[in-house]
Amino acid sequence: MLTLEIITPDKKVLSAQATQVVLPTETGEVGILTGHIPLVTKIVAGEVQVVGEDGSEYIAVDHGFAKVLGDTISVLTEAAIDVKST
């Protein structure tokens, strides 16, 4: 399982477990699975898809950065809001 944290300057918006996370980057969407290589990337405004055992959740994010280290993904962004759950 992956651990995802989405952090804005005001607060930690989300801390969740996921099986897959899809990030919006400058070069397109990047899917992260367990065991992904270490990565630091620039995030563009868009949706972060959080895939868990109970379905998918979408979080709208502003520009920022994401770091993948081990099975932890940290997203640092100016703003984030929960869009919808499926």
PDB file of N, CA and C in Angstrom:
ATOM      1  N   MET A   1       0.840  -1.191   0.000  1.00  0.00           N
ATOM      2  CA  MET A   1       0.000   0.000   0.000  1.00  0.00           C
ATOM      3  C   MET A   1       0.879   1.246   0.000  1.00  0.00           C
ATOM      4  N   LEU A   2       0.366   2.252  -0.672  1.00  0.00           N
ATOM      5  CA  LEU A   2       1.021   3.552  -0.708  1.00  0.00           C
ATOM      6  C   LEU A   2       0.424   4.447   0.365  1.00  0.00           C
ATOM      7  N   THR A   3       1.224   5.371   0.867  1.00  0.00           N
ATOM      8  CA  THR A   3       0.744   6.399   1.774  1.00  0.00           C
ATOM      9  C   THR A   3       0.814   7.720   1.022  1.00  0.00           C
ATOM     10  N   LEU A   4      -0.310   8.416   0.919  1.00  0.00           N
ATOM     11  CA  LEU A   4      -0.382   9.690   0.210  1.00  0.00           C
ATOM     12  C   LEU A   4      -0.681  10.799   1.198  1.00  0.00           C
ATOM     13  N   GLU A   5       0.116  11.876   1.111  1.00  0.00           N
ATOM     14  CA  GLU A   5      -0.143  13.085   1.885  1.00  0.00           C
ATOM     15  C   GLU A   5      -0.246  14.248   0.925  1.00  0.00           C
ATOM     16  N   ILE A   6      -1.331  15.029   1.028  1.00  0.00           N
ATOM     17  CA  ILE A   6      -1.478  16.256   0.246  1.00  0.00           C
ATOM     18  C   ILE A   6      -1.482  17.405   1.244  1.00  0.00           C
ATOM     19  N   ILE A   7      -0.511  18.309   1.071  1.00  0.00           N
ATOM     20  CA  ILE A   7      -0.283  19.371   2.042  1.00  0.00           C
ATOM     21  C   ILE A   7      -0.331  20.727   1.336  1.00  0.00           C
ATOM     22  N   THR A   8      -1.096  21.668   1.915  1.00  0.00           N
ATOM     23  CA  THR A   8      -1.140  23.050   1.438  1.00  0.00           C
ATOM     24  C   THR A   8      -0.467  23.926   2.495  1.00  0.00           C
ATOM     25  N   PRO A   9      -0.236  25.203   2.203  1.00  0.00           N
ATOM     26  CA  PRO A   9       0.355  26.078   3.226  1.00  0.00           C
ATOM     27  C   PRO A   9      -0.504  26.187   4.490  1.00  0.00           C
ATOM     28  N   ASP A  10      -1.812  25.976   4.369  1.00  0.00           N
ATOM     29  CA  ASP A  10      -2.714  26.109   5.512  1.00  0.00           C
ATOM     30  C   ASP A  10      -2.838  24.857   6.368  1.00  0.00           C
ATOM     31  N   LYS A  11      -2.851  23.670   5.716  1.00  0.00           N
ATOM     32  CA  LYS A  11      -3.100  22.447   6.478  1.00  0.00           C
ATOM     33  C   LYS A  11      -2.781  21.209   5.651  1.00  0.00           C
ATOM     34  N   LYS A  12      -2.812  20.056   6.309  1.00  0.00           N
ATOM     35  CA  LYS A  12      -2.724  18.771   5.619  1.00  0.00           C
ATOM     36  C   LYS A  12      -4.138  18.432   5.156  1.00  0.00           C
ATOM     37  N   VAL A  13      -4.339  18.413   3.843  1.00  0.00           N
ATOM     38  CA  VAL A  13      -5.669  18.204   3.271  1.00  0.00           C
ATOM     39  C   VAL A  13      -6.055  16.734   3.289  1.00  0.00           C
ATOM     40  N   LEU A  14      -5.079  15.852   3.037  1.00  0.00           N
ATOM     41  CA  LEU A  14      -5.389  14.432   2.935  1.00  0.00           C
ATOM     42  C   LEU A  14      -4.209  13.602   3.406  1.00  0.00           C
ATOM     43  N   SER A  15      -4.507  12.564   4.129  1.00  0.00           N
ATOM     44  CA  SER A  15      -3.537  11.531   4.476  1.00  0.00           C
ATOM     45  C   SER A  15      -4.280  10.217   4.312  1.00  0.00           C
ATOM     46  N   ALA A  16      -3.876   9.431   3.293  1.00  0.00           N
ATOM     47  CA  ALA A  16      -4.661   8.241   2.950  1.00  0.00           C
ATOM     48  C   ALA A  16      -3.768   7.114   2.461  1.00  0.00           C
ATOM     49  N   GLN A  17      -4.315   5.913   2.524  1.00  0.00           N
ATOM     50  CA  GLN A  17      -3.677   4.726   1.961  1.00  0.00           C
ATOM     51  C   GLN A  17      -4.271   4.503   0.575  1.00  0.00           C
ATOM     52  N   ALA A  18      -3.437   4.061  -0.371  1.00  0.00           N
ATOM     53  CA  ALA A  18      -3.913   3.839  -1.732  1.00  0.00           C
ATOM     54  C   ALA A  18      -3.147   2.690  -2.367  1.00  0.00           C
ATOM     55  N   THR A  19      -3.752   2.093  -3.384  1.00  0.00           N
ATOM     56  CA  THR A  19      -3.061   1.066  -4.163  1.00  0.00           C
ATOM     57  C   THR A  19      -2.388   1.685  -5.382  1.00  0.00           C
ATOM     58  N   GLN A  20      -2.923   2.827  -5.839  1.00  0.00           N
ATOM     59  CA  GLN A  20      -2.339   3.560  -6.963  1.00  0.00           C
ATOM     60  C   GLN A  20      -2.694   5.027  -6.819  1.00  0.00           C
ATOM     61  N   VAL A  21      -1.765   5.906  -7.243  1.00  0.00           N
ATOM     62  CA  VAL A  21      -2.005   7.347  -7.264  1.00  0.00           C
ATOM     63  C   VAL A  21      -1.596   7.859  -8.640  1.00  0.00           C
ATOM     64  N   VAL A  22      -2.458   8.668  -9.257  1.00  0.00           N
ATOM     65  CA  VAL A  22      -2.162   9.256 -10.562  1.00  0.00           C
ATOM     66  C   VAL A  22      -2.000  10.764 -10.362  1.00  0.00           C
ATOM     67  N   LEU A  23      -0.820  11.285 -10.746  1.00  0.00           N
ATOM     68  CA  LEU A  23      -0.481  12.691 -10.545  1.00  0.00           C
ATOM     69  C   LEU A  23      -0.493  13.448 -11.871  1.00  0.00           C
ATOM     70  N   PRO A  24      -1.012  14.700 -11.883  1.00  0.00           N
ATOM     71  CA  PRO A  24      -0.951  15.528 -13.092  1.00  0.00           C
ATOM     72  C   PRO A  24       0.381  16.279 -13.141  1.00  0.00           C
ATOM     73  N   THR A  25       1.245  15.973 -14.108  1.00  0.00           N
ATOM     74  CA  THR A  25       2.547  16.625 -14.208  1.00  0.00           C
ATOM     75  C   THR A  25       2.646  17.420 -15.506  1.00  0.00           C
ATOM     76  N   GLU A  26       3.731  18.158 -15.652  1.00  0.00           N
ATOM     77  CA  GLU A  26       3.938  18.961 -16.860  1.00  0.00           C
ATOM     78  C   GLU A  26       3.994  18.111 -18.125  1.00  0.00           C
ATOM     79  N   THR A  27       4.442  16.873 -17.999  1.00  0.00           N
ATOM     80  CA  THR A  27       4.597  16.014 -19.179  1.00  0.00           C
ATOM     81  C   THR A  27       3.452  15.017 -19.329  1.00  0.00           C
ATOM     82  N   GLY A  28       2.402  15.167 -18.536  1.00  0.00           N
ATOM     83  CA  GLY A  28       1.261  14.257 -18.596  1.00  0.00           C
ATOM     84  C   GLY A  28       1.026  13.604 -17.247  1.00  0.00           C
ATOM     85  N   GLU A  29       0.113  12.661 -17.218  1.00  0.00           N
ATOM     86  CA  GLU A  29      -0.208  11.973 -15.965  1.00  0.00           C
ATOM     87  C   GLU A  29       0.827  10.896 -15.660  1.00  0.00           C
ATOM     88  N   VAL A  30       1.166  10.779 -14.381  1.00  0.00           N
ATOM     89  CA  VAL A  30       2.121   9.769 -13.934  1.00  0.00           C
ATOM     90  C   VAL A  30       1.418   8.874 -12.926  1.00  0.00           C
ATOM     91  N   GLY A  31       1.380   7.584 -13.196  1.00  0.00           N
ATOM     92  CA  GLY A  31       0.789   6.611 -12.271  1.00  0.00           C
ATOM     93  C   GLY A  31       1.857   6.057 -11.350  1.00  0.00           C
ATOM     94  N   ILE A  32       1.570   6.074 -10.060  1.00  0.00           N
ATOM     95  CA  ILE A  32       2.508   5.589  -9.052  1.00  0.00           C
ATOM     96  C   ILE A  32       1.927   4.328  -8.411  1.00  0.00           C
ATOM     97  N   LEU A  33       2.715   3.259  -8.407  1.00  0.00           N
ATOM     98  CA  LEU A  33       2.348   2.006  -7.745  1.00  0.00           C
ATOM     99  C   LEU A  33       3.374   1.698  -6.666  1.00  0.00           C
ATOM    100  N   THR A  34       3.086   0.727  -5.830  1.00  0.00           N
ATOM    101  CA  THR A  34       4.021   0.298  -4.794  1.00  0.00           C
ATOM    102  C   THR A  34       5.356  -0.081  -5.429  1.00  0.00           C
ATOM    103  N   GLY A  35       6.452   0.361  -4.830  1.00  0.00           N
ATOM    104  CA  GLY A  35       7.782   0.030  -5.327  1.00  0.00           C
ATOM    105  C   GLY A  35       8.293   0.955  -6.412  1.00  0.00           C
ATOM    106  N   HIS A  36       7.614   2.081  -6.645  1.00  0.00           N
ATOM    107  CA  HIS A  36       8.037   3.036  -7.677  1.00  0.00           C
ATOM    108  C   HIS A  36       9.424   3.594  -7.336  1.00  0.00           C
ATOM    109  N   ILE A  37      10.197   3.932  -8.360  1.00  0.00           N
ATOM    110  CA  ILE A  37      11.511   4.526  -8.123  1.00  0.00           C
ATOM    111  C   ILE A  37      11.342   5.905  -7.480  1.00  0.00           C
ATOM    112  N   PRO A  38      12.351   6.364  -6.727  1.00  0.00           N
ATOM    113  CA  PRO A  38      12.255   7.710  -6.147  1.00  0.00           C
ATOM    114  C   PRO A  38      12.061   8.753  -7.251  1.00  0.00           C
ATOM    115  N   LEU A  39      11.235   9.764  -6.960  1.00  0.00           N
ATOM    116  CA  LEU A  39      10.865  10.742  -7.977  1.00  0.00           C
ATOM    117  C   LEU A  39      10.521  12.068  -7.312  1.00  0.00           C
ATOM    118  N   VAL A  40      10.972  13.162  -7.916  1.00  0.00           N
ATOM    119  CA  VAL A  40      10.506  14.503  -7.565  1.00  0.00           C
ATOM    120  C   VAL A  40      10.031  15.121  -8.865  1.00  0.00           C
ATOM    121  N   THR A  41       8.790  15.635  -8.880  1.00  0.00           N
ATOM    122  CA  THR A  41       8.233  16.180 -10.114  1.00  0.00           C
ATOM    123  C   THR A  41       7.381  17.402  -9.829  1.00  0.00           C
ATOM    124  N   LYS A  42       7.253  18.254 -10.835  1.00  0.00           N
ATOM    125  CA  LYS A  42       6.396  19.430 -10.727  1.00  0.00           C
ATOM    126  C   LYS A  42       4.966  19.032 -11.061  1.00  0.00           C
ATOM    127  N   ILE A  43       4.038  19.471 -10.225  1.00  0.00           N
ATOM    128  CA  ILE A  43       2.614  19.190 -10.401  1.00  0.00           C
ATOM    129  C   ILE A  43       1.960  20.410 -11.063  1.00  0.00           C
ATOM    130  N   VAL A  44       1.075  20.153 -12.017  1.00  0.00           N
ATOM    131  CA  VAL A  44       0.279  21.229 -12.611  1.00  0.00           C
ATOM    132  C   VAL A  44      -1.136  21.142 -12.046  1.00  0.00           C
ATOM    133  N   ALA A  45      -1.894  22.211 -12.219  1.00  0.00           N
ATOM    134  CA  ALA A  45      -3.273  22.216 -11.744  1.00  0.00           C
ATOM    135  C   ALA A  45      -4.050  21.096 -12.439  1.00  0.00           C
ATOM    136  N   GLY A  46      -4.766  20.311 -11.661  1.00  0.00           N
ATOM    137  CA  GLY A  46      -5.522  19.189 -12.210  1.00  0.00           C
ATOM    138  C   GLY A  46      -6.034  18.295 -11.099  1.00  0.00           C
ATOM    139  N   GLU A  47      -6.309  17.043 -11.441  1.00  0.00           N
ATOM    140  CA  GLU A  47      -6.844  16.083 -10.473  1.00  0.00           C
ATOM    141  C   GLU A  47      -5.802  15.040 -10.096  1.00  0.00           C
ATOM    142  N   VAL A  48      -5.698  14.787  -8.798  1.00  0.00           N
ATOM    143  CA  VAL A  48      -4.930  13.645  -8.303  1.00  0.00           C
ATOM    144  C   VAL A  48      -5.938  12.528  -8.096  1.00  0.00           C
ATOM    145  N   GLN A  49      -5.720  11.398  -8.744  1.00  0.00           N
ATOM    146  CA  GLN A  49      -6.617  10.258  -8.583  1.00  0.00           C
ATOM    147  C   GLN A  49      -6.014   9.330  -7.540  1.00  0.00           C
ATOM    148  N   VAL A  50      -6.797   9.023  -6.519  1.00  0.00           N
ATOM    149  CA  VAL A  50      -6.371   8.135  -5.446  1.00  0.00           C
ATOM    150  C   VAL A  50      -7.194   6.857  -5.569  1.00  0.00           C
ATOM    151  N   VAL A  51      -6.550   5.765  -5.970  1.00  0.00           N
ATOM    152  CA  VAL A  51      -7.244   4.496  -6.155  1.00  0.00           C
ATOM    153  C   VAL A  51      -7.005   3.637  -4.916  1.00  0.00           C
ATOM    154  N   GLY A  52      -8.097   3.261  -4.274  1.00  0.00           N
ATOM    155  CA  GLY A  52      -8.021   2.410  -3.095  1.00  0.00           C
ATOM    156  C   GLY A  52      -8.857   1.161  -3.284  1.00  0.00           C
ATOM    157  N   GLU A  53      -8.945   0.366  -2.246  1.00  0.00           N
ATOM    158  CA  GLU A  53      -9.726  -0.865  -2.315  1.00  0.00           C
ATOM    159  C   GLU A  53     -11.218  -0.585  -2.442  1.00  0.00           C
ATOM    160  N   ASP A  54     -11.652   0.608  -2.020  1.00  0.00           N
ATOM    161  CA  ASP A  54     -13.073   0.970  -2.057  1.00  0.00           C
ATOM    162  C   ASP A  54     -13.437   1.805  -3.277  1.00  0.00           C
ATOM    163  N   GLY A  55     -12.547   1.946  -4.243  1.00  0.00           N
ATOM    164  CA  GLY A  55     -12.826   2.761  -5.426  1.00  0.00           C
ATOM    165  C   GLY A  55     -11.836   3.902  -5.555  1.00  0.00           C
ATOM    166  N   SER A  56     -12.216   4.896  -6.357  1.00  0.00           N
ATOM    167  CA  SER A  56     -11.340   6.029  -6.621  1.00  0.00           C
ATOM    168  C   SER A  56     -11.873   7.299  -5.981  1.00  0.00           C
ATOM    169  N   GLU A  57     -10.943   8.154  -5.578  1.00  0.00           N
ATOM    170  CA  GLU A  57     -11.265   9.473  -5.051  1.00  0.00           C
ATOM    171  C   GLU A  57     -10.447  10.477  -5.854  1.00  0.00           C
ATOM    172  N   TYR A  58     -11.014  11.641  -6.120  1.00  0.00           N
ATOM    173  CA  TYR A  58     -10.338  12.659  -6.914  1.00  0.00           C
ATOM    174  C   TYR A  58     -10.157  13.914  -6.072  1.00  0.00           C
ATOM    175  N   ILE A  59      -8.936  14.424  -6.068  1.00  0.00           N
ATOM    176  CA  ILE A  59      -8.612  15.634  -5.335  1.00  0.00           C
ATOM    177  C   ILE A  59      -8.098  16.659  -6.352  1.00  0.00           C
ATOM    178  N   ALA A  60      -8.756  17.814  -6.446  1.00  0.00           N
ATOM    179  CA  ALA A  60      -8.289  18.875  -7.338  1.00  0.00           C
ATOM    180  C   ALA A  60      -7.138  19.599  -6.653  1.00  0.00           C
ATOM    181  N   VAL A  61      -6.043  19.769  -7.382  1.00  0.00           N
ATOM    182  CA  VAL A  61      -4.868  20.444  -6.822  1.00  0.00           C
ATOM    183  C   VAL A  61      -4.435  21.588  -7.738  1.00  0.00           C
ATOM    184  N   ASP A  62      -3.788  22.563  -7.119  1.00  0.00           N
ATOM    185  CA  ASP A  62      -3.163  23.655  -7.846  1.00  0.00           C
ATOM    186  C   ASP A  62      -1.725  23.237  -8.149  1.00  0.00           C
ATOM    187  N   HIS A  63      -0.938  24.136  -8.719  1.00  0.00           N
ATOM    188  CA  HIS A  63       0.446  23.782  -9.027  1.00  0.00           C
ATOM    189  C   HIS A  63       1.235  23.522  -7.742  1.00  0.00           C
ATOM    190  N   GLY A  64       2.321  22.773  -7.873  1.00  0.00           N
ATOM    191  CA  GLY A  64       3.157  22.439  -6.728  1.00  0.00           C
ATOM    192  C   GLY A  64       4.174  21.384  -7.094  1.00  0.00           C
ATOM    193  N   PHE A  65       4.549  20.580  -6.106  1.00  0.00           N
ATOM    194  CA  PHE A  65       5.553  19.539  -6.298  1.00  0.00           C
ATOM    195  C   PHE A  65       5.103  18.247  -5.642  1.00  0.00           C
ATOM    196  N   ALA A  66       5.609  17.130  -6.159  1.00  0.00           N
ATOM    197  CA  ALA A  66       5.340  15.820  -5.563  1.00  0.00           C
ATOM    198  C   ALA A  66       6.659  15.095  -5.382  1.00  0.00           C
ATOM    199  N   LYS A  67       6.764  14.368  -4.271  1.00  0.00           N
ATOM    200  CA  LYS A  67       7.950  13.559  -3.990  1.00  0.00           C
ATOM    201  C   LYS A  67       7.501  12.141  -3.702  1.00  0.00           C
ATOM    202  N   VAL A  68       8.130  11.178  -4.384  1.00  0.00           N
ATOM    203  CA  VAL A  68       7.870   9.766  -4.148  1.00  0.00           C
ATOM    204  C   VAL A  68       9.147   9.180  -3.572  1.00  0.00           C
ATOM    205  N   LEU A  69       9.054   8.645  -2.376  1.00  0.00           N
ATOM    206  CA  LEU A  69      10.203   8.031  -1.724  1.00  0.00           C
ATOM    207  C   LEU A  69       9.710   6.794  -0.974  1.00  0.00           C
ATOM    208  N   GLY A  70      10.192   5.641  -1.381  1.00  0.00           N
ATOM    209  CA  GLY A  70       9.661   4.397  -0.828  1.00  0.00           C
ATOM    210  C   GLY A  70       8.217   4.264  -1.267  1.00  0.00           C
ATOM    211  N   ASP A  71       7.347   3.974  -0.328  1.00  0.00           N
ATOM    212  CA  ASP A  71       5.918   3.862  -0.645  1.00  0.00           C
ATOM    213  C   ASP A  71       5.141   5.066  -0.105  1.00  0.00           C
ATOM    214  N   THR A  72       5.831   6.211   0.016  1.00  0.00           N
ATOM    215  CA  THR A  72       5.197   7.436   0.492  1.00  0.00           C
ATOM    216  C   THR A  72       5.223   8.494  -0.602  1.00  0.00           C
ATOM    217  N   ILE A  73       4.073   9.090  -0.850  1.00  0.00           N
ATOM    218  CA  ILE A  73       3.951  10.169  -1.831  1.00  0.00           C
ATOM    219  C   ILE A  73       3.541  11.422  -1.072  1.00  0.00           C
ATOM    220  N   SER A  74       4.344  12.468  -1.209  1.00  0.00           N
ATOM    221  CA  SER A  74       4.026  13.755  -0.593  1.00  0.00           C
ATOM    222  C   SER A  74       3.761  14.761  -1.699  1.00  0.00           C
ATOM    223  N   VAL A  75       2.586  15.383  -1.670  1.00  0.00           N
ATOM    224  CA  VAL A  75       2.220  16.401  -2.643  1.00  0.00           C
ATOM    225  C   VAL A  75       2.140  17.733  -1.900  1.00  0.00           C
ATOM    226  N   LEU A  76       2.969  18.682  -2.314  1.00  0.00           N
ATOM    227  CA  LEU A  76       2.957  20.029  -1.747  1.00  0.00           C
ATOM    228  C   LEU A  76       2.343  20.944  -2.792  1.00  0.00           C
ATOM    229  N   THR A  77       1.217  21.574  -2.471  1.00  0.00           N
ATOM    230  CA  THR A  77       0.468  22.363  -3.445  1.00  0.00           C
ATOM    231  C   THR A  77      -0.091  23.618  -2.792  1.00  0.00           C
ATOM    232  N   GLU A  78      -0.382  24.616  -3.616  1.00  0.00           N
ATOM    233  CA  GLU A  78      -0.943  25.869  -3.109  1.00  0.00           C
ATOM    234  C   GLU A  78      -2.366  25.689  -2.584  1.00  0.00           C
ATOM    235  N   ALA A  79      -3.152  24.809  -3.229  1.00  0.00           N
ATOM    236  CA  ALA A  79      -4.545  24.592  -2.827  1.00  0.00           C
ATOM    237  C   ALA A  79      -4.987  23.201  -3.252  1.00  0.00           C
ATOM    238  N   ALA A  80      -5.937  22.640  -2.508  1.00  0.00           N
ATOM    239  CA  ALA A  80      -6.483  21.321  -2.840  1.00  0.00           C
ATOM    240  C   ALA A  80      -7.901  21.218  -2.288  1.00  0.00           C
ATOM    241  N   ILE A  81      -8.748  20.525  -3.050  1.00  0.00           N
ATOM    242  CA  ILE A  81     -10.146  20.328  -2.620  1.00  0.00           C
ATOM    243  C   ILE A  81     -10.629  18.976  -3.118  1.00  0.00           C
ATOM    244  N   ASP A  82     -11.429  18.291  -2.302  1.00  0.00           N
ATOM    245  CA  ASP A  82     -12.003  16.990  -2.667  1.00  0.00           C
ATOM    246  C   ASP A  82     -13.065  17.215  -3.734  1.00  0.00           C
ATOM    247  N   VAL A  83     -12.917  16.551  -4.885  1.00  0.00           N
ATOM    248  CA  VAL A  83     -13.833  16.758  -6.011  1.00  0.00           C
ATOM    249  C   VAL A  83     -15.016  15.801  -5.935  1.00  0.00           C
ATOM    250  N   LYS A  84     -14.728  14.492  -5.934  1.00  0.00           N
ATOM    251  CA  LYS A  84     -15.801  13.503  -5.942  1.00  0.00           C
ATOM    252  C   LYS A  84     -15.231  12.145  -5.587  1.00  0.00           C
ATOM    253  N   SER A  85     -16.074  11.233  -5.205  1.00  0.00           N
ATOM    254  CA  SER A  85     -15.678   9.856  -4.948  1.00  0.00           C
ATOM    255  C   SER A  85     -16.528   8.943  -5.820  1.00  0.00           C
ATOM    256  N   THR A  86     -15.916   7.841  -6.321  1.00  0.00           N
ATOM    257  CA  THR A  86     -16.692   6.888  -7.131  1.00  0.00           C
ATOM    258  C   THR A  86     -16.629   5.523  -6.494  1.00  0.00           C
TER     259      THR A  86
END
